[in-house]
Amino acid sequence: MPQIKSNIKTMKTDAKKRAANAAVRSRIHGAIKKAVAAANTETKDEAIRAAQSIIDTAARKGIIHKNAAARKKSRLNDNVNAAIEKQKALDAKMAAEEAKEEAKEAYIEAMNEKK
């Protein structure tokens, strides 16, 4: 524990800044998660814009470095695009399974008609 008055004050202000910065970082993480979760909905653009706005605000305030902000926004876009591609792949897989099932049923029906 510091004994000098200025060091005590610095310690107090640092604690306040640390708490405020942690809150902003938490908002960034939450906004990114919401944007990725909304990747396949109609609100995708709004969620991405909101997350990018929060990231830009944190960069302007100096909470995160501008290069880190650019990296976060780039990763956000990558994660959103990956979520979209994952959903497309899942939809294609389901469509293929349905087509396979329909073909199987048609085959069984054709075999029953032959008998």
C-alpha atoms as a PDB file:
ATOM      1  CA  MET A   1       0.000   0.000   0.000  1.00  0.00           C
ATOM      2  CA  PRO A   2       1.486   3.369  -0.997  1.00  0.00           C
ATOM      3  CA  GLN A   3       2.333   5.894   1.683  1.00  0.00           C
ATOM      4  CA  ILE A   4       2.664   8.977  -0.519  1.00  0.00           C
ATOM      5  CA  LYS A   5      -0.498  11.001  -1.081  1.00  0.00           C
ATOM      6  CA  SER A   6      -0.119  11.277  -4.870  1.00  0.00           C
ATOM      7  CA  ASN A   7       0.441   7.518  -5.182  1.00  0.00           C
ATOM      8  CA  ILE A   8      -2.697   6.843  -3.131  1.00  0.00           C
ATOM      9  CA  LYS A   9      -4.680   9.126  -5.440  1.00  0.00           C
ATOM     10  CA  THR A  10      -3.187   7.467  -8.527  1.00  0.00           C
ATOM     11  CA  MET A  11      -4.139   4.063  -7.182  1.00  0.00           C
ATOM     12  CA  LYS A  12      -7.744   5.197  -6.638  1.00  0.00           C
ATOM     13  CA  THR A  13      -8.081   6.756 -10.089  1.00  0.00           C
ATOM     14  CA  ASP A  14      -6.502   3.679 -11.703  1.00  0.00           C
ATOM     15  CA  ALA A  15      -9.058   1.456  -9.984  1.00  0.00           C
ATOM     16  CA  LYS A  16     -11.906   3.638 -11.286  1.00  0.00           C
ATOM     17  CA  LYS A  17     -10.501   3.592 -14.826  1.00  0.00           C
ATOM     18  CA  ARG A  18      -9.982  -0.177 -14.688  1.00  0.00           C
ATOM     19  CA  ALA A  19     -13.608  -0.710 -13.668  1.00  0.00           C
ATOM     20  CA  ALA A  20     -14.913   1.595 -16.415  1.00  0.00           C
ATOM     21  CA  ASN A  21     -12.706  -0.019 -19.047  1.00  0.00           C
ATOM     22  CA  ALA A  22     -13.807  -3.504 -17.963  1.00  0.00           C
ATOM     23  CA  ALA A  23     -17.427  -2.481 -18.425  1.00  0.00           C
ATOM     24  CA  VAL A  24     -16.750  -1.229 -21.947  1.00  0.00           C
ATOM     25  CA  ARG A  25     -14.818  -4.381 -22.857  1.00  0.00           C
ATOM     26  CA  SER A  26     -17.729  -6.428 -21.559  1.00  0.00           C
ATOM     27  CA  ARG A  27     -20.124  -4.435 -23.763  1.00  0.00           C
ATOM     28  CA  ILE A  28     -17.857  -5.118 -26.753  1.00  0.00           C
ATOM     29  CA  HIS A  29     -17.855  -8.876 -26.116  1.00  0.00           C
ATOM     30  CA  GLY A  30     -21.621  -8.909 -25.619  1.00  0.00           C
ATOM     31  CA  ALA A  31     -22.256  -6.928 -28.798  1.00  0.00           C
ATOM     32  CA  ILE A  32     -20.015  -9.257 -30.801  1.00  0.00           C
ATOM     33  CA  LYS A  33     -21.847 -12.317 -29.453  1.00  0.00           C
ATOM     34  CA  LYS A  34     -25.220 -10.747 -30.315  1.00  0.00           C
ATOM     35  CA  ALA A  35     -24.052  -9.908 -33.839  1.00  0.00           C
ATOM     36  CA  VAL A  36     -22.833 -13.458 -34.452  1.00  0.00           C
ATOM     37  CA  ALA A  37     -26.056 -14.879 -33.017  1.00  0.00           C
ATOM     38  CA  ALA A  38     -28.082 -12.599 -35.312  1.00  0.00           C
ATOM     39  CA  ALA A  39     -26.066 -13.615 -38.379  1.00  0.00           C
ATOM     40  CA  ASN A  40     -28.957 -15.546 -39.934  1.00  0.00           C
ATOM     41  CA  THR A  41     -31.763 -13.164 -39.022  1.00  0.00           C
ATOM     42  CA  GLU A  42     -33.157  -9.965 -40.494  1.00  0.00           C
ATOM     43  CA  THR A  43     -31.503  -7.876 -37.768  1.00  0.00           C
ATOM     44  CA  LYS A  44     -27.993  -8.901 -38.840  1.00  0.00           C
ATOM     45  CA  ASP A  45     -27.034  -5.496 -40.258  1.00  0.00           C
ATOM     46  CA  GLU A  46     -28.286  -3.615 -37.206  1.00  0.00           C
ATOM     47  CA  ALA A  47     -26.420  -5.924 -34.826  1.00  0.00           C
ATOM     48  CA  ILE A  48     -23.175  -5.623 -36.792  1.00  0.00           C
ATOM     49  CA  ARG A  49     -23.471  -1.841 -36.949  1.00  0.00           C
ATOM     50  CA  ALA A  50     -24.129  -1.670 -33.208  1.00  0.00           C
ATOM     51  CA  ALA A  51     -21.103  -3.845 -32.424  1.00  0.00           C
ATOM     52  CA  GLN A  52     -18.853  -1.829 -34.726  1.00  0.00           C
ATOM     53  CA  SER A  53     -20.113   1.391 -33.159  1.00  0.00           C
ATOM     54  CA  ILE A  54     -19.256   0.159 -29.672  1.00  0.00           C
ATOM     55  CA  ILE A  55     -15.806  -0.911 -30.848  1.00  0.00           C
ATOM     56  CA  ASP A  56     -15.182   2.460 -32.534  1.00  0.00           C
ATOM     57  CA  THR A  57     -16.323   4.332 -29.426  1.00  0.00           C
ATOM     58  CA  ALA A  58     -13.917   2.340 -27.269  1.00  0.00           C
ATOM     59  CA  ALA A  59     -11.097   3.103 -29.715  1.00  0.00           C
ATOM     60  CA  ARG A  60     -11.899   6.823 -29.695  1.00  0.00           C
ATOM     61  CA  LYS A  61     -11.898   6.884 -25.897  1.00  0.00           C
ATOM     62  CA  GLY A  62      -8.563   5.094 -25.854  1.00  0.00           C
ATOM     63  CA  ILE A  63      -9.839   2.026 -24.060  1.00  0.00           C
ATOM     64  CA  ILE A  64      -8.575  -0.177 -26.866  1.00  0.00           C
ATOM     65  CA  HIS A  65      -5.948   0.661 -29.465  1.00  0.00           C
ATOM     66  CA  LYS A  66      -7.151   1.593 -32.956  1.00  0.00           C
ATOM     67  CA  ASN A  67      -5.334  -1.408 -34.448  1.00  0.00           C
ATOM     68  CA  ALA A  68      -7.044  -3.690 -31.938  1.00  0.00           C
ATOM     69  CA  ALA A  69     -10.380  -2.112 -32.894  1.00  0.00           C
ATOM     70  CA  ALA A  70      -9.737  -2.798 -36.570  1.00  0.00           C
ATOM     71  CA  ARG A  71      -8.772  -6.378 -35.739  1.00  0.00           C
ATOM     72  CA  LYS A  72     -11.931  -6.856 -33.655  1.00  0.00           C
ATOM     73  CA  LYS A  73     -14.146  -5.526 -36.448  1.00  0.00           C
ATOM     74  CA  SER A  74     -12.431  -7.758 -38.979  1.00  0.00           C
ATOM     75  CA  ARG A  75     -12.868 -10.806 -36.765  1.00  0.00           C
ATOM     76  CA  LEU A  76     -16.487  -9.825 -36.174  1.00  0.00           C
ATOM     77  CA  ASN A  77     -17.156  -9.868 -39.908  1.00  0.00           C
ATOM     78  CA  ASP A  78     -15.305 -13.176 -40.278  1.00  0.00           C
ATOM     79  CA  ASN A  79     -17.318 -14.740 -37.461  1.00  0.00           C
ATOM     80  CA  VAL A  80     -20.622 -13.492 -38.877  1.00  0.00           C
ATOM     81  CA  ASN A  81     -19.753 -14.826 -42.332  1.00  0.00           C
ATOM     82  CA  ALA A  82     -18.694 -18.157 -40.820  1.00  0.00           C
ATOM     83  CA  ALA A  83     -22.008 -18.413 -38.971  1.00  0.00           C
ATOM     84  CA  ILE A  84     -23.883 -17.721 -42.209  1.00  0.00           C
ATOM     85  CA  GLU A  85     -21.883 -20.363 -44.082  1.00  0.00           C
ATOM     86  CA  LYS A  86     -22.445 -22.855 -41.273  1.00  0.00           C
ATOM     87  CA  GLN A  87     -26.202 -22.312 -41.496  1.00  0.00           C
ATOM     88  CA  LYS A  88     -26.122 -22.674 -45.292  1.00  0.00           C
ATOM     89  CA  ALA A  89     -24.219 -25.955 -44.973  1.00  0.00           C
ATOM     90  CA  LEU A  90     -26.710 -27.214 -42.409  1.00  0.00           C
ATOM     91  CA  ASP A  91     -29.631 -26.260 -44.665  1.00  0.00           C
ATOM     92  CA  ALA A  92     -28.003 -28.028 -47.623  1.00  0.00           C
ATOM     93  CA  LYS A  93     -27.411 -31.137 -45.518  1.00  0.00           C
ATOM     94  CA  MET A  94     -31.051 -31.179 -44.400  1.00  0.00           C
ATOM     95  CA  ALA A  95     -32.235 -30.724 -48.003  1.00  0.00           C
ATOM     96  CA  ALA A  96     -30.016 -33.598 -49.145  1.00  0.00           C
ATOM     97  CA  GLU A  97     -31.365 -35.840 -46.391  1.00  0.00           C
ATOM     98  CA  GLU A  98     -34.945 -34.960 -47.360  1.00  0.00           C
ATOM     99  CA  ALA A  99     -34.221 -35.691 -51.022  1.00  0.00           C
ATOM    100  CA  LYS A 100     -32.646 -39.004 -50.073  1.00  0.00           C
ATOM    101  CA  GLU A 101     -35.663 -39.909 -47.966  1.00  0.00           C
ATOM    102  CA  GLU A 102     -38.056 -38.980 -50.790  1.00  0.00           C
ATOM    103  CA  ALA A 103     -36.062 -41.082 -53.264  1.00  0.00           C
ATOM    104  CA  LYS A 104     -36.143 -44.001 -50.856  1.00  0.00           C
ATOM    105  CA  GLU A 105     -39.921 -43.710 -50.477  1.00  0.00           C
ATOM    106  CA  ALA A 106     -40.369 -43.469 -54.255  1.00  0.00           C
ATOM    107  CA  TYR A 107     -38.237 -46.584 -54.720  1.00  0.00           C
ATOM    108  CA  ILE A 108     -40.239 -48.540 -52.153  1.00  0.00           C
ATOM    109  CA  GLU A 109     -43.479 -47.402 -53.787  1.00  0.00           C
ATOM    110  CA  ALA A 110     -42.215 -48.441 -57.246  1.00  0.00           C
ATOM    111  CA  MET A 111     -41.217 -51.868 -55.918  1.00  0.00           C
ATOM    112  CA  ASN A 112     -44.652 -52.318 -54.335  1.00  0.00           C
ATOM    113  CA  GLU A 113     -46.349 -51.452 -57.633  1.00  0.00           C
ATOM    114  CA  LYS A 114     -44.300 -54.097 -59.466  1.00  0.00           C
ATOM    115  CA  LYS A 115     -45.548 -56.823 -57.119  1.00  0.00           C
END
